mmCIF file of all heavy atoms, coordinates in Angstrom:
data_MODEL
# 
_entry.id   MODEL 
# 
loop_
_atom_site.group_PDB 
_atom_site.id 
_atom_site.type_symbol 
_atom_site.label_atom_id 
_atom_site.label_alt_id 
_atom_site.label_comp_id 
_atom_site.label_asym_id 
_atom_site.label_entity_id 
_atom_site.label_seq_id 
_atom_site.pdbx_PDB_ins_code 
_atom_site.Cartn_x 
_atom_site.Cartn_y 
_atom_site.Cartn_z 
_atom_site.occupancy 
_atom_site.B_iso_or_equiv 
_atom_site.pdbx_formal_charge 
_atom_site.auth_seq_id 
_atom_site.auth_comp_id 
_atom_site.auth_asym_id 
_atom_site.auth_atom_id 
_atom_site.pdbx_PDB_model_num 
ATOM 1   N N   . ALA A 1 1  ? 91.148  141.067 96.192  1.00 0.00 ? 1  ALA A N   1 
ATOM 2   C CA  . ALA A 1 1  ? 92.192  140.892 95.179  1.00 0.00 ? 1  ALA A CA  1 
ATOM 3   C C   . ALA A 1 1  ? 93.555  140.656 95.819  1.00 0.00 ? 1  ALA A C   1 
ATOM 4   O O   . ALA A 1 1  ? 94.304  139.757 95.414  1.00 0.00 ? 1  ALA A O   1 
ATOM 5   C CB  . ALA A 1 1  ? 92.231  142.109 94.266  1.00 0.00 ? 1  ALA A CB  1 
ATOM 6   N N   . LEU A 1 2  ? 93.879  141.446 96.830  1.00 0.00 ? 2  LEU A N   1 
ATOM 7   C CA  . LEU A 1 2  ? 95.176  141.288 97.490  1.00 0.00 ? 2  LEU A CA  1 
ATOM 8   C C   . LEU A 1 2  ? 95.280  139.953 98.225  1.00 0.00 ? 2  LEU A C   1 
ATOM 9   O O   . LEU A 1 2  ? 96.316  139.279 98.154  1.00 0.00 ? 2  LEU A O   1 
ATOM 10  C CB  . LEU A 1 2  ? 95.416  142.440 98.464  1.00 0.00 ? 2  LEU A CB  1 
ATOM 11  C CG  . LEU A 1 2  ? 95.724  143.793 97.829  1.00 0.00 ? 2  LEU A CG  1 
ATOM 12  C CD1 . LEU A 1 2  ? 95.829  144.863 98.900  1.00 0.00 ? 2  LEU A CD1 1 
ATOM 13  C CD2 . LEU A 1 2  ? 96.986  143.724 97.003  1.00 0.00 ? 2  LEU A CD2 1 
ATOM 14  N N   . SER A 1 3  ? 94.224  139.569 98.899  1.00 0.00 ? 3  SER A N   1 
ATOM 15  C CA  . SER A 1 3  ? 94.248  138.297 99.618  1.00 0.00 ? 3  SER A CA  1 
ATOM 16  C C   . SER A 1 3  ? 94.332  137.113 98.661  1.00 0.00 ? 3  SER A C   1 
ATOM 17  O O   . SER A 1 3  ? 95.040  136.143 98.926  1.00 0.00 ? 3  SER A O   1 
ATOM 18  C CB  . SER A 1 3  ? 93.012  138.160 100.504 1.00 0.00 ? 3  SER A CB  1 
ATOM 19  O OG  . SER A 1 3  ? 93.022  139.136 101.508 1.00 0.00 ? 3  SER A OG  1 
ATOM 20  N N   . GLY A 1 4  ? 93.605  137.200 97.560  1.00 0.00 ? 4  GLY A N   1 
ATOM 21  C CA  . GLY A 1 4  ? 93.682  136.145 96.565  1.00 0.00 ? 4  GLY A CA  1 
ATOM 22  C C   . GLY A 1 4  ? 95.072  136.034 95.968  1.00 0.00 ? 4  GLY A C   1 
ATOM 23  O O   . GLY A 1 4  ? 95.603  134.933 95.787  1.00 0.00 ? 4  GLY A O   1 
ATOM 24  N N   . ALA A 1 5  ? 95.685  137.172 95.691  1.00 0.00 ? 5  ALA A N   1 
ATOM 25  C CA  . ALA A 1 5  ? 97.040  137.170 95.150  1.00 0.00 ? 5  ALA A CA  1 
ATOM 26  C C   . ALA A 1 5  ? 98.031  136.603 96.171  1.00 0.00 ? 5  ALA A C   1 
ATOM 27  O O   . ALA A 1 5  ? 98.918  135.814 95.812  1.00 0.00 ? 5  ALA A O   1 
ATOM 28  C CB  . ALA A 1 5  ? 97.444  138.580 94.744  1.00 0.00 ? 5  ALA A CB  1 
ATOM 29  N N   . LEU A 1 6  ? 97.875  136.983 97.423  1.00 0.00 ? 6  LEU A N   1 
ATOM 30  C CA  . LEU A 1 6  ? 98.769  136.460 98.459  1.00 0.00 ? 6  LEU A CA  1 
ATOM 31  C C   . LEU A 1 6  ? 98.596  134.956 98.635  1.00 0.00 ? 6  LEU A C   1 
ATOM 32  O O   . LEU A 1 6  ? 99.576  134.241 98.872  1.00 0.00 ? 6  LEU A O   1 
ATOM 33  C CB  . LEU A 1 6  ? 98.533  137.177 99.785  1.00 0.00 ? 6  LEU A CB  1 
ATOM 34  C CG  . LEU A 1 6  ? 99.114  138.583 99.873  1.00 0.00 ? 6  LEU A CG  1 
ATOM 35  C CD1 . LEU A 1 6  ? 98.650  139.265 101.154 1.00 0.00 ? 6  LEU A CD1 1 
ATOM 36  C CD2 . LEU A 1 6  ? 100.626 138.536 99.814  1.00 0.00 ? 6  LEU A CD2 1 
ATOM 37  N N   . TYR A 1 7  ? 97.357  134.473 98.499  1.00 0.00 ? 7  TYR A N   1 
ATOM 38  C CA  . TYR A 1 7  ? 97.143  133.028 98.605  1.00 0.00 ? 7  TYR A CA  1 
ATOM 39  C C   . TYR A 1 7  ? 97.856  132.298 97.464  1.00 0.00 ? 7  TYR A C   1 
ATOM 40  O O   . TYR A 1 7  ? 98.505  131.278 97.695  1.00 0.00 ? 7  TYR A O   1 
ATOM 41  C CB  . TYR A 1 7  ? 95.653  132.695 98.598  1.00 0.00 ? 7  TYR A CB  1 
ATOM 42  C CG  . TYR A 1 7  ? 95.400  131.221 98.458  1.00 0.00 ? 7  TYR A CG  1 
ATOM 43  C CD1 . TYR A 1 7  ? 95.678  130.354 99.507  1.00 0.00 ? 7  TYR A CD1 1 
ATOM 44  C CD2 . TYR A 1 7  ? 94.921  130.681 97.273  1.00 0.00 ? 7  TYR A CD2 1 
ATOM 45  C CE1 . TYR A 1 7  ? 95.467  128.991 99.382  1.00 0.00 ? 7  TYR A CE1 1 
ATOM 46  C CE2 . TYR A 1 7  ? 94.712  129.333 97.144  1.00 0.00 ? 7  TYR A CE2 1 
ATOM 47  C CZ  . TYR A 1 7  ? 94.987  128.486 98.204  1.00 0.00 ? 7  TYR A CZ  1 
ATOM 48  O OH  . TYR A 1 7  ? 94.787  127.143 98.067  1.00 0.00 ? 7  TYR A OH  1 
ATOM 49  N N   . PHE A 1 8  ? 97.720  132.827 96.268  1.00 0.00 ? 8  PHE A N   1 
ATOM 50  C CA  . PHE A 1 8  ? 98.356  132.155 95.125  1.00 0.00 ? 8  PHE A CA  1 
ATOM 51  C C   . PHE A 1 8  ? 99.879  132.228 95.203  1.00 0.00 ? 8  PHE A C   1 
ATOM 52  O O   . PHE A 1 8  ? 100.571 131.335 94.728  1.00 0.00 ? 8  PHE A O   1 
ATOM 53  C CB  . PHE A 1 8  ? 97.858  132.731 93.811  1.00 0.00 ? 8  PHE A CB  1 
ATOM 54  C CG  . PHE A 1 8  ? 96.468  132.289 93.473  1.00 0.00 ? 8  PHE A CG  1 
ATOM 55  C CD1 . PHE A 1 8  ? 95.452  133.209 93.300  1.00 0.00 ? 8  PHE A CD1 1 
ATOM 56  C CD2 . PHE A 1 8  ? 96.152  130.947 93.351  1.00 0.00 ? 8  PHE A CD2 1 
ATOM 57  C CE1 . PHE A 1 8  ? 94.163  132.804 93.002  1.00 0.00 ? 8  PHE A CE1 1 
ATOM 58  C CE2 . PHE A 1 8  ? 94.871  130.522 93.052  1.00 0.00 ? 8  PHE A CE2 1 
ATOM 59  C CZ  . PHE A 1 8  ? 93.878  131.463 92.873  1.00 0.00 ? 8  PHE A CZ  1 
ATOM 60  N N   . LEU A 1 9  ? 100.404 133.296 95.793  1.00 0.00 ? 9  LEU A N   1 
ATOM 61  C CA  . LEU A 1 9  ? 101.851 133.424 95.906  1.00 0.00 ? 9  LEU A CA  1 
ATOM 62  C C   . LEU A 1 9  ? 102.438 132.574 97.032  1.00 0.00 ? 9  LEU A C   1 
ATOM 63  O O   . LEU A 1 9  ? 103.518 132.007 96.894  1.00 0.00 ? 9  LEU A O   1 
ATOM 64  C CB  . LEU A 1 9  ? 102.244 134.888 96.110  1.00 0.00 ? 9  LEU A CB  1 
ATOM 65  C CG  . LEU A 1 9  ? 102.033 135.806 94.909  1.00 0.00 ? 9  LEU A CG  1 
ATOM 66  C CD1 . LEU A 1 9  ? 102.322 137.243 95.297  1.00 0.00 ? 9  LEU A CD1 1 
ATOM 67  C CD2 . LEU A 1 9  ? 102.898 135.369 93.748  1.00 0.00 ? 9  LEU A CD2 1 
ATOM 68  N N   . THR A 1 10 ? 101.725 132.507 98.168  1.00 0.00 ? 10 THR A N   1 
ATOM 69  C CA  . THR A 1 10 ? 102.273 131.814 99.335  1.00 0.00 ? 10 THR A CA  1 
ATOM 70  C C   . THR A 1 10 ? 101.653 130.450 99.579  1.00 0.00 ? 10 THR A C   1 
ATOM 71  O O   . THR A 1 10 ? 102.306 129.575 100.141 1.00 0.00 ? 10 THR A O   1 
ATOM 72  C CB  . THR A 1 10 ? 102.087 132.666 100.611 1.00 0.00 ? 10 THR A CB  1 
ATOM 73  O OG1 . THR A 1 10 ? 100.693 132.834 100.853 1.00 0.00 ? 10 THR A OG1 1 
ATOM 74  C CG2 . THR A 1 10 ? 102.766 134.007 100.463 1.00 0.00 ? 10 THR A CG2 1 
ATOM 75  N N   . GLY A 1 11 ? 100.393 130.274 99.224  1.00 0.00 ? 11 GLY A N   1 
ATOM 76  C CA  . GLY A 1 11 ? 99.717  129.001 99.460  1.00 0.00 ? 11 GLY A CA  1 
ATOM 77  C C   . GLY A 1 11 ? 99.200  128.833 100.871 1.00 0.00 ? 11 GLY A C   1 
ATOM 78  O O   . GLY A 1 11 ? 98.775  127.740 101.251 1.00 0.00 ? 11 GLY A O   1 
ATOM 79  N N   . GLU A 1 12 ? 99.188  129.903 101.662 1.00 0.00 ? 12 GLU A N   1 
ATOM 80  C CA  . GLU A 1 12 ? 98.703  129.817 103.049 1.00 0.00 ? 12 GLU A CA  1 
ATOM 81  C C   . GLU A 1 12 ? 97.180  129.916 103.082 1.00 0.00 ? 12 GLU A C   1 
ATOM 82  O O   . GLU A 1 12 ? 96.572  130.747 102.416 1.00 0.00 ? 12 GLU A O   1 
ATOM 83  C CB  . GLU A 1 12 ? 99.310  130.936 103.891 1.00 0.00 ? 12 GLU A CB  1 
ATOM 84  C CG  . GLU A 1 12 ? 100.791 130.770 104.105 1.00 0.00 ? 12 GLU A CG  1 
ATOM 85  C CD  . GLU A 1 12 ? 101.351 131.787 105.071 1.00 0.00 ? 12 GLU A CD  1 
ATOM 86  O OE1 . GLU A 1 12 ? 100.613 132.172 105.996 1.00 0.00 ? 12 GLU A OE1 1 
ATOM 87  O OE2 . GLU A 1 12 ? 102.498 132.187 104.886 1.00 0.00 ? 12 GLU A OE2 1 
ATOM 88  N N   . LYS A 1 13 ? 96.576  129.060 103.895 1.00 0.00 ? 13 LYS A N   1 
ATOM 89  C CA  . LYS A 1 13 ? 95.113  128.974 103.964 1.00 0.00 ? 13 LYS A CA  1 
ATOM 90  C C   . LYS A 1 13 ? 94.485  130.168 104.671 1.00 0.00 ? 13 LYS A C   1 
ATOM 91  O O   . LYS A 1 13 ? 93.308  130.453 104.474 1.00 0.00 ? 13 LYS A O   1 
ATOM 92  C CB  . LYS A 1 13 ? 94.687  127.694 104.693 1.00 0.00 ? 13 LYS A CB  1 
ATOM 93  C CG  . LYS A 1 13 ? 95.083  126.439 103.969 1.00 0.00 ? 13 LYS A CG  1 
ATOM 94  C CD  . LYS A 1 13 ? 94.215  126.209 102.782 1.00 0.00 ? 13 LYS A CD  1 
ATOM 95  C CE  . LYS A 1 13 ? 94.548  124.878 102.155 1.00 0.00 ? 13 LYS A CE  1 
ATOM 96  N NZ  . LYS A 1 13 ? 93.804  124.640 100.954 1.00 0.00 ? 13 LYS A NZ  1 
ATOM 97  N N   . ARG A 1 14 ? 95.251  130.896 105.469 1.00 0.00 ? 14 ARG A N   1 
ATOM 98  C CA  . ARG A 1 14 ? 94.660  132.007 106.220 1.00 0.00 ? 14 ARG A CA  1 
ATOM 99  C C   . ARG A 1 14 ? 94.170  133.112 105.297 1.00 0.00 ? 14 ARG A C   1 
ATOM 100 O O   . ARG A 1 14 ? 93.227  133.829 105.619 1.00 0.00 ? 14 ARG A O   1 
ATOM 101 C CB  . ARG A 1 14 ? 95.629  132.557 107.253 1.00 0.00 ? 14 ARG A CB  1 
ATOM 102 C CG  . ARG A 1 14 ? 96.848  133.201 106.679 1.00 0.00 ? 14 ARG A CG  1 
ATOM 103 C CD  . ARG A 1 14 ? 97.761  133.704 107.765 1.00 0.00 ? 14 ARG A CD  1 
ATOM 104 N NE  . ARG A 1 14 ? 99.008  134.156 107.176 1.00 0.00 ? 14 ARG A NE  1 
ATOM 105 C CZ  . ARG A 1 14 ? 99.769  135.051 107.721 1.00 0.00 ? 14 ARG A CZ  1 
ATOM 106 N NH1 . ARG A 1 14 ? 99.440  135.566 108.873 1.00 0.00 ? 14 ARG A NH1 1 
ATOM 107 N NH2 . ARG A 1 14 ? 100.880 135.421 107.129 1.00 0.00 ? 14 ARG A NH2 1 
ATOM 108 N N   . TYR A 1 15 ? 94.779  133.230 104.128 1.00 0.00 ? 15 TYR A N   1 
ATOM 109 C CA  . TYR A 1 15 ? 94.318  134.237 103.177 1.00 0.00 ? 15 TYR A CA  1 
ATOM 110 C C   . TYR A 1 15 ? 92.963  133.854 102.590 1.00 0.00 ? 15 TYR A C   1 
ATOM 111 O O   . TYR A 1 15 ? 92.117  134.718 102.350 1.00 0.00 ? 15 TYR A O   1 
ATOM 112 C CB  . TYR A 1 15 ? 95.354  134.446 102.080 1.00 0.00 ? 15 TYR A CB  1 
ATOM 113 C CG  . TYR A 1 15 ? 96.651  135.010 102.600 1.00 0.00 ? 15 TYR A CG  1 
ATOM 114 C CD1 . TYR A 1 15 ? 97.838  134.298 102.483 1.00 0.00 ? 15 TYR A CD1 1 
ATOM 115 C CD2 . TYR A 1 15 ? 96.694  136.240 103.236 1.00 0.00 ? 15 TYR A CD2 1 
ATOM 116 C CE1 . TYR A 1 15 ? 99.029  134.803 102.972 1.00 0.00 ? 15 TYR A CE1 1 
ATOM 117 C CE2 . TYR A 1 15 ? 97.881  136.755 103.729 1.00 0.00 ? 15 TYR A CE2 1 
ATOM 118 C CZ  . TYR A 1 15 ? 99.040  136.031 103.596 1.00 0.00 ? 15 TYR A CZ  1 
ATOM 119 O OH  . TYR A 1 15 ? 100.204 136.532 104.090 1.00 0.00 ? 15 TYR A OH  1 
ATOM 120 N N   . LEU A 1 16 ? 92.753  132.568 102.369 1.00 0.00 ? 16 LEU A N   1 
ATOM 121 C CA  . LEU A 1 16 ? 91.437  132.121 101.901 1.00 0.00 ? 16 LEU A CA  1 
ATOM 122 C C   . LEU A 1 16 ? 90.372  132.333 102.969 1.00 0.00 ? 16 LEU A C   1 
ATOM 123 O O   . LEU A 1 16 ? 89.231  132.680 102.664 1.00 0.00 ? 16 LEU A O   1 
ATOM 124 C CB  . LEU A 1 16 ? 91.476  130.650 101.518 1.00 0.00 ? 16 LEU A CB  1 
ATOM 125 C CG  . LEU A 1 16 ? 92.087  130.304 100.162 1.00 0.00 ? 16 LEU A CG  1 
ATOM 126 C CD1 . LEU A 1 16 ? 92.009  128.807 99.923  1.00 0.00 ? 16 LEU A CD1 1 
ATOM 127 C CD2 . LEU A 1 16 ? 91.407  131.056 99.054  1.00 0.00 ? 16 LEU A CD2 1 
ATOM 128 N N   . GLN A 1 17 ? 90.738  132.128 104.231 1.00 0.00 ? 17 GLN A N   1 
ATOM 129 C CA  . GLN A 1 17 ? 89.794  132.370 105.320 1.00 0.00 ? 17 GLN A CA  1 
ATOM 130 C C   . GLN A 1 17 ? 89.417  133.848 105.381 1.00 0.00 ? 17 GLN A C   1 
ATOM 131 O O   . GLN A 1 17 ? 88.258  134.196 105.605 1.00 0.00 ? 17 GLN A O   1 
ATOM 132 C CB  . GLN A 1 17 ? 90.394  131.918 106.647 1.00 0.00 ? 17 GLN A CB  1 
ATOM 133 C CG  . GLN A 1 17 ? 90.560  130.426 106.755 1.00 0.00 ? 17 GLN A CG  1 
ATOM 134 C CD  . GLN A 1 17 ? 91.337  130.012 107.989 1.00 0.00 ? 17 GLN A CD  1 
ATOM 135 O OE1 . GLN A 1 17 ? 91.903  130.847 108.688 1.00 0.00 ? 17 GLN A OE1 1 
ATOM 136 N NE2 . GLN A 1 17 ? 91.375  128.714 108.254 1.00 0.00 ? 17 GLN A NE2 1 
ATOM 137 N N   . PHE A 1 18 ? 90.391  134.720 105.152 1.00 0.00 ? 18 PHE A N   1 
ATOM 138 C CA  . PHE A 1 18 ? 90.111  136.150 105.144 1.00 0.00 ? 18 PHE A CA  1 
ATOM 139 C C   . PHE A 1 18 ? 89.196  136.522 103.986 1.00 0.00 ? 18 PHE A C   1 
ATOM 140 O O   . PHE A 1 18 ? 88.267  137.318 104.143 1.00 0.00 ? 18 PHE A O   1 
ATOM 141 C CB  . PHE A 1 18 ? 91.418  136.949 105.071 1.00 0.00 ? 18 PHE A CB  1 
ATOM 142 C CG  . PHE A 1 18 ? 91.204  138.431 105.093 1.00 0.00 ? 18 PHE A CG  1 
ATOM 143 C CD1 . PHE A 1 18 ? 90.800  139.071 106.251 1.00 0.00 ? 18 PHE A CD1 1 
ATOM 144 C CD2 . PHE A 1 18 ? 91.390  139.182 103.944 1.00 0.00 ? 18 PHE A CD2 1 
ATOM 145 C CE1 . PHE A 1 18 ? 90.587  140.433 106.266 1.00 0.00 ? 18 PHE A CE1 1 
ATOM 146 C CE2 . PHE A 1 18 ? 91.184  140.545 103.947 1.00 0.00 ? 18 PHE A CE2 1 
ATOM 147 C CZ  . PHE A 1 18 ? 90.785  141.174 105.117 1.00 0.00 ? 18 PHE A CZ  1 
ATOM 148 N N   . VAL A 1 19 ? 89.436  135.924 102.809 1.00 0.00 ? 19 VAL A N   1 
ATOM 149 C CA  . VAL A 1 19 ? 88.574  136.171 101.652 1.00 0.00 ? 19 VAL A CA  1 
ATOM 150 C C   . VAL A 1 19 ? 87.147  135.750 101.969 1.00 0.00 ? 19 VAL A C   1 
ATOM 151 O O   . VAL A 1 19 ? 86.192  136.471 101.665 1.00 0.00 ? 19 VAL A O   1 
ATOM 152 C CB  . VAL A 1 19 ? 89.109  135.419 100.407 1.00 0.00 ? 19 VAL A CB  1 
ATOM 153 C CG1 . VAL A 1 19 ? 88.080  135.400 99.299  1.00 0.00 ? 19 VAL A CG1 1 
ATOM 154 C CG2 . VAL A 1 19 ? 90.394  136.045 99.915  1.00 0.00 ? 19 VAL A CG2 1 
ATOM 155 N N   . TRP A 1 20 ? 86.986  134.604 102.595 1.00 0.00 ? 20 TRP A N   1 
ATOM 156 C CA  . TRP A 1 20 ? 85.655  134.109 102.945 1.00 0.00 ? 20 TRP A CA  1 
ATOM 157 C C   . TRP A 1 20 ? 84.961  135.059 103.917 1.00 0.00 ? 20 TRP A C   1 
ATOM 158 O O   . TRP A 1 20 ? 83.775  135.360 103.770 1.00 0.00 ? 20 TRP A O   1 
ATOM 159 C CB  . TRP A 1 20 ? 85.759  132.707 103.524 1.00 0.00 ? 20 TRP A CB  1 
ATOM 160 C CG  . TRP A 1 20 ? 84.448  132.113 103.889 1.00 0.00 ? 20 TRP A CG  1 
ATOM 161 C CD1 . TRP A 1 20 ? 84.036  131.760 105.130 1.00 0.00 ? 20 TRP A CD1 1 
ATOM 162 C CD2 . TRP A 1 20 ? 83.361  131.809 103.012 1.00 0.00 ? 20 TRP A CD2 1 
ATOM 163 N NE1 . TRP A 1 20 ? 82.766  131.256 105.081 1.00 0.00 ? 20 TRP A NE1 1 
ATOM 164 C CE2 . TRP A 1 20 ? 82.325  131.281 103.794 1.00 0.00 ? 20 TRP A CE2 1 
ATOM 165 C CE3 . TRP A 1 20 ? 83.163  131.942 101.652 1.00 0.00 ? 20 TRP A CE3 1 
ATOM 166 C CZ2 . TRP A 1 20 ? 81.109  130.886 103.242 1.00 0.00 ? 20 TRP A CZ2 1 
ATOM 167 C CZ3 . TRP A 1 20 ? 81.949  131.549 101.116 1.00 0.00 ? 20 TRP A CZ3 1 
ATOM 168 C CH2 . TRP A 1 20 ? 80.945  131.025 101.902 1.00 0.00 ? 20 TRP A CH2 1 
ATOM 169 N N   . LYS A 1 21 ? 85.691  135.556 104.906 1.00 0.00 ? 21 LYS A N   1 
ATOM 170 C CA  . LYS A 1 21 ? 85.099  136.485 105.875 1.00 0.00 ? 21 LYS A CA  1 
ATOM 171 C C   . LYS A 1 21 ? 84.685  137.792 105.209 1.00 0.00 ? 21 LYS A C   1 
ATOM 172 O O   . LYS A 1 21 ? 83.605  138.325 105.492 1.00 0.00 ? 21 LYS A O   1 
ATOM 173 C CB  . LYS A 1 21 ? 86.091  136.777 106.998 1.00 0.00 ? 21 LYS A CB  1 
ATOM 174 C CG  . LYS A 1 21 ? 86.275  135.635 107.945 1.00 0.00 ? 21 LYS A CG  1 
ATOM 175 C CD  . LYS A 1 21 ? 87.290  135.977 109.020 1.00 0.00 ? 21 LYS A CD  1 
ATOM 176 C CE  . LYS A 1 21 ? 87.586  134.775 109.890 1.00 0.00 ? 21 LYS A CE  1 
ATOM 177 N NZ  . LYS A 1 21 ? 88.592  135.060 110.909 1.00 0.00 ? 21 LYS A NZ  1 
ATOM 178 N N   . VAL A 1 22 ? 85.508  138.300 104.316 1.00 0.00 ? 22 VAL A N   1 
ATOM 179 C CA  . VAL A 1 22 ? 85.170  139.545 103.618 1.00 0.00 ? 22 VAL A CA  1 
ATOM 180 C C   . VAL A 1 22 ? 83.951  139.338 102.726 1.00 0.00 ? 22 VAL A C   1 
ATOM 181 O O   . VAL A 1 22 ? 83.070  140.196 102.657 1.00 0.00 ? 22 VAL A O   1 
ATOM 182 C CB  . VAL A 1 22 ? 86.383  140.061 102.808 1.00 0.00 ? 22 VAL A CB  1 
ATOM 183 C CG1 . VAL A 1 22 ? 85.984  141.210 101.893 1.00 0.00 ? 22 VAL A CG1 1 
ATOM 184 C CG2 . VAL A 1 22 ? 87.497  140.498 103.736 1.00 0.00 ? 22 VAL A CG2 1 
ATOM 185 N N   . LEU A 1 23 ? 83.877  138.197 102.045 1.00 0.00 ? 23 LEU A N   1 
ATOM 186 C CA  . LEU A 1 23 ? 82.717  137.915 101.204 1.00 0.00 ? 23 LEU A CA  1 
ATOM 187 C C   . LEU A 1 23 ? 81.435  137.818 102.024 1.00 0.00 ? 23 LEU A C   1 
ATOM 188 O O   . LEU A 1 23 ? 80.394  138.351 101.627 1.00 0.00 ? 23 LEU A O   1 
ATOM 189 C CB  . LEU A 1 23 ? 82.932  136.622 100.417 1.00 0.00 ? 23 LEU A CB  1 
ATOM 190 C CG  . LEU A 1 23 ? 83.810  136.722 99.183  1.00 0.00 ? 23 LEU A CG  1 
ATOM 191 C CD1 . LEU A 1 23 ? 84.043  135.343 98.589  1.00 0.00 ? 23 LEU A CD1 1 
ATOM 192 C CD2 . LEU A 1 23 ? 83.193  137.641 98.158  1.00 0.00 ? 23 LEU A CD2 1 
ATOM 193 N N   . LYS A 1 24 ? 81.505  137.139 103.174 1.00 0.00 ? 24 LYS A N   1 
ATOM 194 C CA  . LYS A 1 24 ? 80.316  137.024 104.029 1.00 0.00 ? 24 LYS A CA  1 
ATOM 195 C C   . LYS A 1 24 ? 79.882  138.403 104.513 1.00 0.00 ? 24 LYS A C   1 
ATOM 196 O O   . LYS A 1 24 ? 78.691  138.728 104.481 1.00 0.00 ? 24 LYS A O   1 
ATOM 197 C CB  . LYS A 1 24 ? 80.595  136.118 105.225 1.00 0.00 ? 24 LYS A CB  1 
ATOM 198 C CG  . LYS A 1 24 ? 80.622  134.658 104.878 1.00 0.00 ? 24 LYS A CG  1 
ATOM 199 C CD  . LYS A 1 24 ? 80.558  133.760 106.096 1.00 0.00 ? 24 LYS A CD  1 
ATOM 200 C CE  . LYS A 1 24 ? 81.683  134.029 107.063 1.00 0.00 ? 24 LYS A CE  1 
ATOM 201 N NZ  . LYS A 1 24 ? 81.749  133.057 108.158 1.00 0.00 ? 24 LYS A NZ  1 
# 
């Protein structure tokens, strides 16, 4: 949730990469 919110607020791709790693 926090990483998704940070991605939507900042638009940085590293947060999406972190979300993907946590999901895996």
